[in-house]
Amino acid sequence: MMPDINQSATCYQKNPSLVCTEFDDGAILLNLHTKYYYNLNETALSIWNLLNELSTVPEIAEKIVDEYEVDKDRALDSVGRIMAELCEEGLVIAQ
């Protein structure tokens, strides 16, 4: 069962079996266990990189608000959606 992405107490971390290669407009993730590739756009890459220092959806959304000058509700929705997709694919792990 997938965790509730909107719970502010849920922490996320990157799956350690992934390798990330960044490009100007995004990145490619390779899961070393499954051999599947994943494409991240610029926004998803920003969220991915923020996982190095932050771990909850609200924390990451706050940084996105500052970086992209979007309103907080839109940032929360976008970060929540992207984190749900990353979690569903096993790219991030909910704690």
N, C-alpha and C. Protein backbone atom coordinates (compact mmCIF):
# COMPACT_ATOMS: atom_id res chain seq x y z
N MET A 1 0.85 -1.19 0.00
CA MET A 1 0.00 0.00 0.00
C MET A 1 0.88 1.24 0.00
N MET A 2 0.54 2.19 -0.84
CA MET A 2 1.34 3.40 -0.97
C MET A 2 1.03 4.36 0.18
N PRO A 3 2.05 5.03 0.73
CA PRO A 3 1.82 5.97 1.83
C PRO A 3 1.06 7.20 1.35
N ASP A 4 0.43 7.89 2.30
CA ASP A 4 -0.26 9.14 1.99
C ASP A 4 0.78 10.22 1.77
N ILE A 5 0.94 10.64 0.52
CA ILE A 5 1.98 11.59 0.14
C ILE A 5 1.78 12.93 0.83
N ASN A 6 0.56 13.29 1.17
CA ASN A 6 0.30 14.59 1.75
C ASN A 6 0.54 14.67 3.25
N GLN A 7 0.88 13.57 3.88
CA GLN A 7 1.19 13.62 5.30
C GLN A 7 2.53 14.32 5.49
N SER A 8 2.53 15.39 6.24
CA SER A 8 3.76 16.17 6.40
C SER A 8 4.82 15.41 7.18
N ALA A 9 4.44 14.40 7.96
CA ALA A 9 5.42 13.67 8.76
C ALA A 9 6.13 12.57 7.96
N THR A 10 5.60 12.24 6.79
CA THR A 10 6.22 11.19 5.98
C THR A 10 7.53 11.71 5.40
N CYS A 11 8.60 10.96 5.65
CA CYS A 11 9.91 11.32 5.14
C CYS A 11 10.26 10.41 3.97
N TYR A 12 11.00 10.94 3.03
CA TYR A 12 11.40 10.19 1.84
C TYR A 12 12.91 10.24 1.67
N GLN A 13 13.44 9.18 1.12
CA GLN A 13 14.86 9.16 0.78
C GLN A 13 15.01 8.51 -0.58
N LYS A 14 16.11 8.83 -1.24
CA LYS A 14 16.38 8.24 -2.54
C LYS A 14 16.68 6.76 -2.40
N ASN A 15 16.23 5.99 -3.37
CA ASN A 15 16.57 4.57 -3.42
C ASN A 15 18.07 4.48 -3.71
N PRO A 16 18.84 3.82 -2.85
CA PRO A 16 20.30 3.78 -3.04
C PRO A 16 20.76 2.99 -4.26
N SER A 17 19.87 2.24 -4.91
CA SER A 17 20.29 1.45 -6.07
C SER A 17 20.14 2.22 -7.38
N LEU A 18 20.01 3.56 -7.29
CA LEU A 18 19.83 4.39 -8.49
C LEU A 18 21.10 5.18 -8.79
N VAL A 19 21.33 5.37 -10.09
CA VAL A 19 22.40 6.23 -10.57
C VAL A 19 21.73 7.34 -11.36
N CYS A 20 22.17 8.59 -11.12
CA CYS A 20 21.57 9.75 -11.77
C CYS A 20 22.60 10.43 -12.66
N THR A 21 22.21 10.69 -13.90
CA THR A 21 23.03 11.46 -14.83
C THR A 21 22.24 12.70 -15.22
N GLU A 22 22.79 13.87 -14.88
CA GLU A 22 22.10 15.13 -15.12
C GLU A 22 22.46 15.72 -16.48
N PHE A 23 21.47 16.39 -17.08
CA PHE A 23 21.62 17.12 -18.32
C PHE A 23 21.14 18.55 -18.08
N ASP A 24 21.23 19.40 -19.08
CA ASP A 24 20.80 20.79 -18.92
C ASP A 24 19.32 20.92 -18.56
N ASP A 25 18.48 20.07 -19.12
CA ASP A 25 17.04 20.20 -18.92
C ASP A 25 16.41 19.04 -18.16
N GLY A 26 17.20 18.29 -17.42
CA GLY A 26 16.65 17.19 -16.65
C GLY A 26 17.71 16.16 -16.32
N ALA A 27 17.27 14.91 -16.18
CA ALA A 27 18.20 13.84 -15.81
C ALA A 27 17.63 12.49 -16.22
N ILE A 28 18.51 11.51 -16.24
CA ILE A 28 18.13 10.11 -16.43
C ILE A 28 18.53 9.36 -15.17
N LEU A 29 17.60 8.57 -14.64
CA LEU A 29 17.89 7.70 -13.51
C LEU A 29 17.96 6.28 -14.02
N LEU A 30 18.92 5.52 -13.53
CA LEU A 30 19.03 4.10 -13.85
C LEU A 30 18.93 3.32 -12.56
N ASN A 31 17.96 2.41 -12.51
CA ASN A 31 17.85 1.51 -11.37
C ASN A 31 18.76 0.33 -11.65
N LEU A 32 19.81 0.19 -10.86
CA LEU A 32 20.80 -0.86 -11.08
C LEU A 32 20.25 -2.25 -10.85
N HIS A 33 19.17 -2.37 -10.07
CA HIS A 33 18.58 -3.70 -9.81
C HIS A 33 17.64 -4.14 -10.92
N THR A 34 16.81 -3.20 -11.40
CA THR A 34 15.82 -3.57 -12.42
C THR A 34 16.29 -3.29 -13.84
N LYS A 35 17.34 -2.47 -13.97
CA LYS A 35 17.88 -2.02 -15.27
C LYS A 35 16.91 -1.10 -16.02
N TYR A 36 15.92 -0.55 -15.33
CA TYR A 36 14.99 0.40 -15.94
C TYR A 36 15.56 1.81 -15.87
N TYR A 37 15.29 2.58 -16.93
CA TYR A 37 15.68 3.98 -17.00
C TYR A 37 14.45 4.85 -16.75
N TYR A 38 14.66 6.01 -16.13
CA TYR A 38 13.59 6.96 -15.88
C TYR A 38 14.08 8.35 -16.28
N ASN A 39 13.22 9.11 -16.91
CA ASN A 39 13.55 10.46 -17.35
C ASN A 39 12.94 11.46 -16.37
N LEU A 40 13.74 12.40 -15.87
CA LEU A 40 13.24 13.46 -15.00
C LEU A 40 13.32 14.79 -15.74
N ASN A 41 12.23 15.55 -15.70
CA ASN A 41 12.29 16.90 -16.27
C ASN A 41 12.98 17.82 -15.26
N GLU A 42 13.11 19.07 -15.60
CA GLU A 42 13.85 20.02 -14.75
C GLU A 42 13.25 20.13 -13.34
N THR A 43 11.92 20.19 -13.25
CA THR A 43 11.28 20.31 -11.94
C THR A 43 11.48 19.05 -11.11
N ALA A 44 11.29 17.89 -11.73
CA ALA A 44 11.49 16.63 -11.01
C ALA A 44 12.94 16.48 -10.57
N LEU A 45 13.87 16.95 -11.39
CA LEU A 45 15.29 16.90 -11.01
C LEU A 45 15.54 17.81 -9.82
N SER A 46 14.92 18.98 -9.77
CA SER A 46 15.06 19.86 -8.61
C SER A 46 14.58 19.16 -7.34
N ILE A 47 13.43 18.50 -7.45
CA ILE A 47 12.89 17.76 -6.30
C ILE A 47 13.84 16.64 -5.92
N TRP A 48 14.34 15.91 -6.91
CA TRP A 48 15.29 14.82 -6.67
C TRP A 48 16.53 15.34 -5.91
N ASN A 49 17.07 16.46 -6.36
CA ASN A 49 18.26 17.02 -5.72
C ASN A 49 17.96 17.55 -4.32
N LEU A 50 16.75 18.07 -4.10
CA LEU A 50 16.38 18.54 -2.77
C LEU A 50 16.29 17.39 -1.76
N LEU A 51 16.10 16.18 -2.25
CA LEU A 51 16.07 15.02 -1.35
C LEU A 51 17.42 14.78 -0.67
N ASN A 52 18.47 15.43 -1.15
CA ASN A 52 19.77 15.32 -0.48
C ASN A 52 19.77 16.01 0.88
N GLU A 53 18.91 17.03 1.04
CA GLU A 53 18.90 17.79 2.28
C GLU A 53 17.55 17.84 2.99
N LEU A 54 16.47 17.61 2.25
CA LEU A 54 15.12 17.66 2.80
C LEU A 54 14.43 16.33 2.57
N SER A 55 13.38 16.05 3.36
CA SER A 55 12.78 14.74 3.18
C SER A 55 11.26 14.71 3.19
N THR A 56 10.59 15.82 3.47
CA THR A 56 9.13 15.80 3.48
C THR A 56 8.58 16.65 2.33
N VAL A 57 7.36 16.35 1.93
CA VAL A 57 6.73 17.10 0.84
C VAL A 57 6.63 18.59 1.17
N PRO A 58 6.16 18.98 2.37
CA PRO A 58 6.08 20.41 2.67
C PRO A 58 7.44 21.12 2.65
N GLU A 59 8.49 20.47 3.14
CA GLU A 59 9.83 21.07 3.11
C GLU A 59 10.29 21.31 1.67
N ILE A 60 10.11 20.30 0.84
CA ILE A 60 10.53 20.40 -0.55
C ILE A 60 9.68 21.45 -1.28
N ALA A 61 8.38 21.45 -1.03
CA ALA A 61 7.48 22.43 -1.67
C ALA A 61 7.89 23.86 -1.32
N GLU A 62 8.29 24.08 -0.08
CA GLU A 62 8.71 25.42 0.34
C GLU A 62 9.92 25.89 -0.46
N LYS A 63 10.88 25.00 -0.69
CA LYS A 63 12.06 25.34 -1.50
C LYS A 63 11.66 25.60 -2.95
N ILE A 64 10.71 24.82 -3.47
CA ILE A 64 10.24 25.01 -4.84
C ILE A 64 9.56 26.37 -4.97
N VAL A 65 8.80 26.78 -3.96
CA VAL A 65 8.16 28.10 -3.96
C VAL A 65 9.22 29.18 -4.10
N ASP A 66 10.30 29.06 -3.34
CA ASP A 66 11.38 30.05 -3.39
C ASP A 66 12.11 30.03 -4.73
N GLU A 67 12.36 28.84 -5.25
CA GLU A 67 13.16 28.70 -6.47
C GLU A 67 12.39 29.10 -7.74
N TYR A 68 11.12 28.70 -7.81
CA TYR A 68 10.35 28.90 -9.05
C TYR A 68 9.29 29.99 -8.95
N GLU A 69 9.13 30.61 -7.79
CA GLU A 69 8.15 31.66 -7.59
C GLU A 69 6.73 31.22 -7.98
N VAL A 70 6.33 30.05 -7.49
CA VAL A 70 4.96 29.57 -7.66
C VAL A 70 4.27 29.66 -6.31
N ASP A 71 2.93 29.61 -6.31
CA ASP A 71 2.26 29.70 -5.03
C ASP A 71 2.37 28.36 -4.28
N LYS A 72 2.20 28.43 -2.98
CA LYS A 72 2.45 27.28 -2.11
C LYS A 72 1.54 26.10 -2.41
N ASP A 73 0.25 26.35 -2.67
CA ASP A 73 -0.68 25.26 -2.95
C ASP A 73 -0.29 24.51 -4.22
N ARG A 74 0.08 25.27 -5.24
CA ARG A 74 0.49 24.63 -6.50
C ARG A 74 1.77 23.82 -6.30
N ALA A 75 2.71 24.37 -5.53
CA ALA A 75 3.96 23.65 -5.25
C ALA A 75 3.69 22.36 -4.46
N LEU A 76 2.82 22.45 -3.46
CA LEU A 76 2.47 21.24 -2.68
C LEU A 76 1.84 20.18 -3.56
N ASP A 77 0.92 20.59 -4.43
CA ASP A 77 0.28 19.63 -5.34
C ASP A 77 1.30 19.00 -6.28
N SER A 78 2.16 19.81 -6.86
CA SER A 78 3.16 19.30 -7.81
C SER A 78 4.16 18.39 -7.14
N VAL A 79 4.68 18.81 -6.00
CA VAL A 79 5.66 17.97 -5.28
C VAL A 79 4.99 16.68 -4.82
N GLY A 80 3.77 16.77 -4.31
CA GLY A 80 3.05 15.57 -3.88
C GLY A 80 2.84 14.59 -5.03
N ARG A 81 2.47 15.11 -6.19
CA ARG A 81 2.23 14.26 -7.37
C ARG A 81 3.53 13.59 -7.82
N ILE A 82 4.61 14.39 -7.90
CA ILE A 82 5.89 13.84 -8.35
C ILE A 82 6.43 12.82 -7.34
N MET A 83 6.29 13.12 -6.06
CA MET A 83 6.76 12.17 -5.03
C MET A 83 5.95 10.88 -5.09
N ALA A 84 4.66 10.98 -5.37
CA ALA A 84 3.82 9.77 -5.50
C ALA A 84 4.30 8.92 -6.67
N GLU A 85 4.63 9.56 -7.79
CA GLU A 85 5.14 8.83 -8.96
C GLU A 85 6.50 8.19 -8.67
N LEU A 86 7.39 8.94 -8.03
CA LEU A 86 8.70 8.41 -7.68
C LEU A 86 8.59 7.25 -6.71
N CYS A 87 7.68 7.38 -5.77
CA CYS A 87 7.45 6.32 -4.78
C CYS A 87 6.86 5.07 -5.44
N GLU A 88 5.89 5.28 -6.33
CA GLU A 88 5.24 4.17 -7.02
C GLU A 88 6.24 3.37 -7.85
N GLU A 89 7.20 4.05 -8.44
CA GLU A 89 8.23 3.40 -9.26
C GLU A 89 9.39 2.86 -8.43
N GLY A 90 9.37 3.10 -7.11
CA GLY A 90 10.43 2.62 -6.24
C GLY A 90 11.70 3.46 -6.30
N LEU A 91 11.60 4.68 -6.81
CA LEU A 91 12.76 5.55 -6.93
C LEU A 91 13.06 6.27 -5.63
N VAL A 92 12.02 6.48 -4.81
CA VAL A 92 12.19 7.00 -3.47
C VAL A 92 11.51 6.03 -2.51
N ILE A 93 11.95 6.07 -1.28
CA ILE A 93 11.44 5.17 -0.24
C ILE A 93 10.81 6.01 0.86
N ALA A 94 9.57 5.70 1.20
CA ALA A 94 8.87 6.39 2.29
C ALA A 94 9.28 5.76 3.62
N GLN A 95 9.49 6.62 4.61
CA GLN A 95 9.87 6.13 5.93
C GLN A 95 8.80 6.49 6.94
